[in-house]
N, C-alpha and C. Protein backbone atom coordinates (compact mmCIF):
# COMPACT_ATOMS: atom_id res chain seq x y z
N MET A 1 7.79 -4.94 -9.11
CA MET A 1 7.63 -3.61 -8.57
C MET A 1 7.15 -3.72 -7.12
N LYS A 2 7.64 -2.83 -6.28
CA LYS A 2 7.23 -2.81 -4.88
C LYS A 2 5.91 -2.04 -4.73
N ILE A 3 5.16 -2.41 -3.71
CA ILE A 3 3.89 -1.74 -3.43
C ILE A 3 4.10 -0.25 -3.22
N SER A 4 5.14 0.12 -2.48
CA SER A 4 5.40 1.54 -2.22
C SER A 4 5.71 2.30 -3.51
N ASP A 5 6.46 1.69 -4.42
CA ASP A 5 6.75 2.33 -5.70
C ASP A 5 5.48 2.52 -6.53
N TRP A 6 4.63 1.50 -6.53
CA TRP A 6 3.37 1.57 -7.28
C TRP A 6 2.48 2.67 -6.71
N LEU A 7 2.39 2.77 -5.37
CA LEU A 7 1.59 3.81 -4.74
C LEU A 7 2.16 5.20 -5.05
N ASP A 8 3.49 5.32 -5.04
CA ASP A 8 4.12 6.59 -5.41
C ASP A 8 3.76 7.00 -6.83
N GLN A 9 3.77 6.04 -7.76
CA GLN A 9 3.41 6.33 -9.16
C GLN A 9 1.95 6.78 -9.27
N GLN A 10 1.07 6.10 -8.55
CA GLN A 10 -0.34 6.46 -8.59
C GLN A 10 -0.57 7.86 -8.02
N GLU A 11 0.12 8.14 -6.92
CA GLU A 11 0.00 9.46 -6.30
C GLU A 11 0.54 10.56 -7.23
N ALA A 12 1.65 10.28 -7.92
CA ALA A 12 2.22 11.25 -8.87
C ALA A 12 1.26 11.50 -10.03
N ALA A 13 0.44 10.51 -10.36
CA ALA A 13 -0.55 10.65 -11.43
C ALA A 13 -1.85 11.28 -10.91
N LYS A 14 -1.80 11.80 -9.68
CA LYS A 14 -2.95 12.49 -9.07
C LYS A 14 -4.13 11.57 -8.77
N VAL A 15 -3.85 10.28 -8.52
CA VAL A 15 -4.88 9.33 -8.13
C VAL A 15 -5.01 9.35 -6.62
N ASP A 16 -6.23 9.33 -6.10
CA ASP A 16 -6.45 9.23 -4.66
C ASP A 16 -6.13 7.79 -4.24
N VAL A 17 -5.04 7.60 -3.56
CA VAL A 17 -4.59 6.25 -3.22
C VAL A 17 -5.13 5.77 -1.87
N SER A 18 -5.83 6.61 -1.14
CA SER A 18 -6.28 6.24 0.20
C SER A 18 -7.14 4.98 0.20
N GLN A 19 -7.98 4.80 -0.81
CA GLN A 19 -8.88 3.64 -0.86
C GLN A 19 -8.61 2.73 -2.06
N ILE A 20 -7.47 2.89 -2.68
CA ILE A 20 -7.17 2.17 -3.92
C ILE A 20 -7.02 0.66 -3.69
N GLU A 21 -7.42 -0.10 -4.66
CA GLU A 21 -7.22 -1.55 -4.64
C GLU A 21 -5.89 -1.87 -5.29
N LEU A 22 -5.09 -2.67 -4.64
CA LEU A 22 -3.82 -3.08 -5.23
C LEU A 22 -4.05 -4.05 -6.37
N PRO A 23 -3.23 -4.00 -7.40
CA PRO A 23 -3.31 -5.03 -8.43
C PRO A 23 -3.07 -6.40 -7.78
N ARG A 24 -3.80 -7.38 -8.24
CA ARG A 24 -3.77 -8.72 -7.63
C ARG A 24 -2.35 -9.28 -7.52
N ASP A 25 -1.57 -9.18 -8.58
CA ASP A 25 -0.23 -9.75 -8.56
C ASP A 25 0.66 -9.03 -7.54
N LEU A 26 0.49 -7.75 -7.42
CA LEU A 26 1.29 -6.96 -6.47
C LEU A 26 0.92 -7.30 -5.03
N ALA A 27 -0.36 -7.48 -4.79
CA ALA A 27 -0.85 -7.78 -3.45
C ALA A 27 -0.32 -9.12 -2.94
N PHE A 28 -0.11 -10.08 -3.82
CA PHE A 28 0.33 -11.40 -3.40
C PHE A 28 1.84 -11.60 -3.46
N GLU A 29 2.54 -10.71 -4.15
CA GLU A 29 3.99 -10.87 -4.32
C GLU A 29 4.81 -10.33 -3.16
N GLN A 30 4.29 -9.35 -2.46
CA GLN A 30 5.11 -8.68 -1.44
C GLN A 30 4.48 -8.77 -0.06
N ASP A 31 5.27 -9.20 0.90
CA ASP A 31 4.86 -9.17 2.30
C ASP A 31 5.20 -7.80 2.86
N PRO A 32 4.46 -7.37 3.88
CA PRO A 32 4.79 -6.07 4.47
C PRO A 32 6.18 -6.08 5.12
N ASP A 33 6.81 -4.91 5.17
CA ASP A 33 8.10 -4.80 5.84
C ASP A 33 7.93 -4.99 7.34
N GLU A 34 6.74 -4.64 7.83
CA GLU A 34 6.49 -4.71 9.27
C GLU A 34 4.99 -4.70 9.51
N THR A 35 4.53 -5.51 10.47
CA THR A 35 3.16 -5.42 10.94
C THR A 35 3.22 -4.69 12.27
N ILE A 36 2.59 -3.53 12.30
CA ILE A 36 2.69 -2.65 13.47
C ILE A 36 1.59 -2.93 14.48
N TYR A 37 0.44 -3.34 14.00
CA TYR A 37 -0.72 -3.53 14.87
C TYR A 37 -1.57 -4.65 14.31
N PHE A 38 -2.10 -5.49 15.22
CA PHE A 38 -3.05 -6.52 14.80
C PHE A 38 -3.95 -6.85 15.96
N GLN A 39 -5.24 -6.90 15.70
CA GLN A 39 -6.21 -7.36 16.69
C GLN A 39 -7.31 -8.11 15.96
N GLU A 40 -7.74 -9.21 16.54
CA GLU A 40 -8.81 -10.01 15.97
C GLU A 40 -9.79 -10.35 17.08
N ILE A 41 -11.07 -10.31 16.76
CA ILE A 41 -12.10 -10.71 17.72
C ILE A 41 -12.55 -12.10 17.32
N LYS A 42 -12.22 -13.07 18.16
CA LYS A 42 -12.46 -14.47 17.83
C LYS A 42 -13.03 -15.19 19.07
N PRO A 43 -14.31 -14.92 19.39
CA PRO A 43 -14.87 -15.51 20.61
C PRO A 43 -15.26 -16.98 20.48
N CYS A 44 -15.35 -17.49 19.26
CA CYS A 44 -15.84 -18.87 19.08
C CYS A 44 -14.81 -19.91 19.52
N SER A 45 -13.61 -19.84 19.03
CA SER A 45 -12.51 -20.70 19.48
C SER A 45 -11.24 -20.32 18.73
N MET A 46 -10.13 -20.69 19.27
CA MET A 46 -8.84 -20.35 18.67
C MET A 46 -8.61 -21.08 17.35
N VAL A 47 -9.26 -22.21 17.15
CA VAL A 47 -9.03 -23.00 15.94
C VAL A 47 -10.05 -22.75 14.83
N CYS A 48 -11.02 -21.88 15.08
CA CYS A 48 -12.04 -21.57 14.08
C CYS A 48 -11.40 -20.93 12.85
N LYS A 49 -11.73 -21.42 11.68
CA LYS A 49 -11.16 -20.94 10.41
C LYS A 49 -12.06 -19.95 9.67
N LYS A 50 -13.22 -19.61 10.25
CA LYS A 50 -14.16 -18.71 9.59
C LYS A 50 -13.72 -17.25 9.76
N ASN A 51 -14.43 -16.33 9.10
CA ASN A 51 -14.12 -14.90 9.16
C ASN A 51 -14.44 -14.32 10.53
N HIS A 52 -13.57 -13.44 10.99
CA HIS A 52 -13.75 -12.75 12.25
C HIS A 52 -13.37 -11.28 12.07
N PRO A 53 -14.00 -10.38 12.83
CA PRO A 53 -13.60 -8.98 12.76
C PRO A 53 -12.12 -8.84 13.14
N PHE A 54 -11.40 -8.00 12.39
CA PHE A 54 -9.99 -7.79 12.67
C PHE A 54 -9.57 -6.41 12.18
N ALA A 55 -8.42 -5.97 12.67
CA ALA A 55 -7.80 -4.74 12.18
C ALA A 55 -6.30 -4.93 12.24
N THR A 56 -5.62 -4.43 11.23
CA THR A 56 -4.17 -4.53 11.18
C THR A 56 -3.59 -3.29 10.49
N VAL A 57 -2.37 -2.96 10.86
CA VAL A 57 -1.63 -1.89 10.19
C VAL A 57 -0.30 -2.49 9.75
N GLU A 58 -0.03 -2.40 8.46
CA GLU A 58 1.19 -2.94 7.88
C GLU A 58 1.97 -1.82 7.22
N ARG A 59 3.29 -1.92 7.28
CA ARG A 59 4.14 -0.90 6.66
C ARG A 59 4.78 -1.48 5.40
N PHE A 60 4.68 -0.73 4.31
CA PHE A 60 5.35 -1.03 3.06
C PHE A 60 6.25 0.15 2.75
N ASP A 61 7.51 0.07 3.15
CA ASP A 61 8.46 1.17 2.99
C ASP A 61 7.94 2.40 3.72
N HIS A 62 7.54 3.47 3.03
CA HIS A 62 7.06 4.68 3.68
C HIS A 62 5.54 4.81 3.63
N TRP A 63 4.86 3.74 3.23
CA TRP A 63 3.40 3.70 3.19
C TRP A 63 2.87 2.77 4.27
N TYR A 64 1.71 3.10 4.79
CA TYR A 64 1.03 2.26 5.78
C TYR A 64 -0.32 1.85 5.23
N ARG A 65 -0.64 0.58 5.41
CA ARG A 65 -1.97 0.09 5.02
C ARG A 65 -2.68 -0.35 6.29
N ALA A 66 -3.76 0.34 6.61
CA ALA A 66 -4.65 -0.10 7.67
C ALA A 66 -5.78 -0.84 6.96
N ARG A 67 -6.13 -2.00 7.46
CA ARG A 67 -7.19 -2.76 6.82
C ARG A 67 -7.87 -3.65 7.84
N GLY A 68 -9.02 -4.16 7.49
CA GLY A 68 -9.70 -5.06 8.39
C GLY A 68 -11.14 -5.27 8.03
N GLN A 69 -11.87 -5.75 9.02
CA GLN A 69 -13.30 -5.99 8.91
C GLN A 69 -13.93 -5.43 10.19
N ASP A 70 -14.91 -4.55 10.03
CA ASP A 70 -15.53 -3.91 11.18
C ASP A 70 -16.13 -4.91 12.15
N LYS A 71 -16.03 -4.57 13.42
CA LYS A 71 -16.64 -5.36 14.48
C LYS A 71 -18.15 -5.45 14.27
N LYS A 72 -18.74 -4.39 13.73
CA LYS A 72 -20.19 -4.34 13.49
C LYS A 72 -20.66 -5.40 12.50
N ALA A 73 -19.76 -5.93 11.68
CA ALA A 73 -20.13 -6.95 10.70
C ALA A 73 -20.53 -8.25 11.38
N GLY A 74 -19.99 -8.49 12.57
CA GLY A 74 -20.33 -9.70 13.30
C GLY A 74 -19.37 -10.84 13.01
N ILE A 75 -19.51 -11.87 13.81
CA ILE A 75 -18.66 -13.05 13.71
C ILE A 75 -19.05 -13.86 12.47
N HIS A 76 -18.08 -14.36 11.76
CA HIS A 76 -18.21 -15.23 10.59
C HIS A 76 -18.83 -14.52 9.38
N SER A 77 -18.79 -13.20 9.36
CA SER A 77 -19.30 -12.43 8.23
C SER A 77 -18.15 -12.09 7.29
N SER A 78 -18.46 -11.88 6.04
CA SER A 78 -17.44 -11.43 5.09
C SER A 78 -17.73 -9.99 4.64
N LYS A 79 -18.65 -9.32 5.32
CA LYS A 79 -19.05 -7.96 4.95
C LYS A 79 -18.24 -6.93 5.73
N MET A 80 -18.39 -5.69 5.32
CA MET A 80 -17.81 -4.52 5.98
C MET A 80 -16.28 -4.54 6.03
N ARG A 81 -15.65 -5.00 4.97
CA ARG A 81 -14.19 -4.95 4.88
C ARG A 81 -13.77 -3.55 4.45
N TRP A 82 -12.63 -3.11 4.91
CA TRP A 82 -12.16 -1.76 4.64
C TRP A 82 -10.63 -1.75 4.55
N GLN A 83 -10.10 -0.66 3.97
CA GLN A 83 -8.65 -0.45 3.95
C GLN A 83 -8.36 1.02 3.74
N LEU A 84 -7.18 1.43 4.16
CA LEU A 84 -6.73 2.80 4.03
C LEU A 84 -5.23 2.79 3.79
N PHE A 85 -4.79 3.43 2.72
CA PHE A 85 -3.36 3.64 2.48
C PHE A 85 -3.03 5.07 2.85
N THR A 86 -1.95 5.25 3.59
CA THR A 86 -1.52 6.58 4.00
C THR A 86 -0.03 6.56 4.31
N ARG A 87 0.57 7.73 4.29
CA ARG A 87 1.96 7.86 4.71
C ARG A 87 2.03 8.19 6.21
N ASN A 88 0.89 8.44 6.82
CA ASN A 88 0.79 8.87 8.20
C ASN A 88 0.56 7.67 9.12
N LYS A 89 1.57 7.27 9.86
CA LYS A 89 1.49 6.12 10.75
C LYS A 89 0.41 6.31 11.81
N ASP A 90 0.35 7.49 12.42
CA ASP A 90 -0.63 7.75 13.47
C ASP A 90 -2.06 7.63 12.95
N LEU A 91 -2.31 8.14 11.76
CA LEU A 91 -3.64 8.04 11.16
C LEU A 91 -4.00 6.58 10.92
N ALA A 92 -3.07 5.80 10.42
CA ALA A 92 -3.32 4.38 10.16
C ALA A 92 -3.66 3.65 11.47
N LEU A 93 -2.90 3.91 12.52
CA LEU A 93 -3.16 3.26 13.81
C LEU A 93 -4.50 3.69 14.40
N LYS A 94 -4.79 4.98 14.37
CA LYS A 94 -6.07 5.48 14.90
C LYS A 94 -7.25 4.87 14.16
N THR A 95 -7.13 4.79 12.84
CA THR A 95 -8.21 4.23 12.03
C THR A 95 -8.43 2.76 12.36
N ALA A 96 -7.36 1.98 12.42
CA ALA A 96 -7.48 0.55 12.71
C ALA A 96 -8.10 0.32 14.09
N LYS A 97 -7.64 1.03 15.08
CA LYS A 97 -8.15 0.85 16.44
C LYS A 97 -9.62 1.28 16.54
N ALA A 98 -9.98 2.36 15.87
CA ALA A 98 -11.37 2.82 15.91
C ALA A 98 -12.32 1.84 15.23
N ARG A 99 -11.88 1.21 14.17
CA ARG A 99 -12.77 0.30 13.42
C ARG A 99 -12.97 -1.04 14.12
N ILE A 100 -12.09 -1.42 15.01
CA ILE A 100 -12.22 -2.72 15.69
C ILE A 100 -12.90 -2.56 17.06
N GLU A 101 -12.94 -1.34 17.58
CA GLU A 101 -13.54 -1.14 18.91
C GLU A 101 -15.01 -0.83 18.85
């Protein structure tokens, strides 16, 4: 099943999908159709493998997922992760940019 189909089913069942967690198997089976926006704050070095604040917007058919980790969490933190599912591209972009700035 595609992520967009699953979200459509959840929405039809009157579930608030804006903050919903994807089923694990679904999250790992499908790559986004398009990554529209990505920014990462990585002041330590380009090769550092630790956690860094980031924001991204990905498109899954007619759904957009904005997700990331707030800049306020700090470098190498695993806290303050967030995500938003919406059909509104502008809302997804505004949210991602606001959370990383």
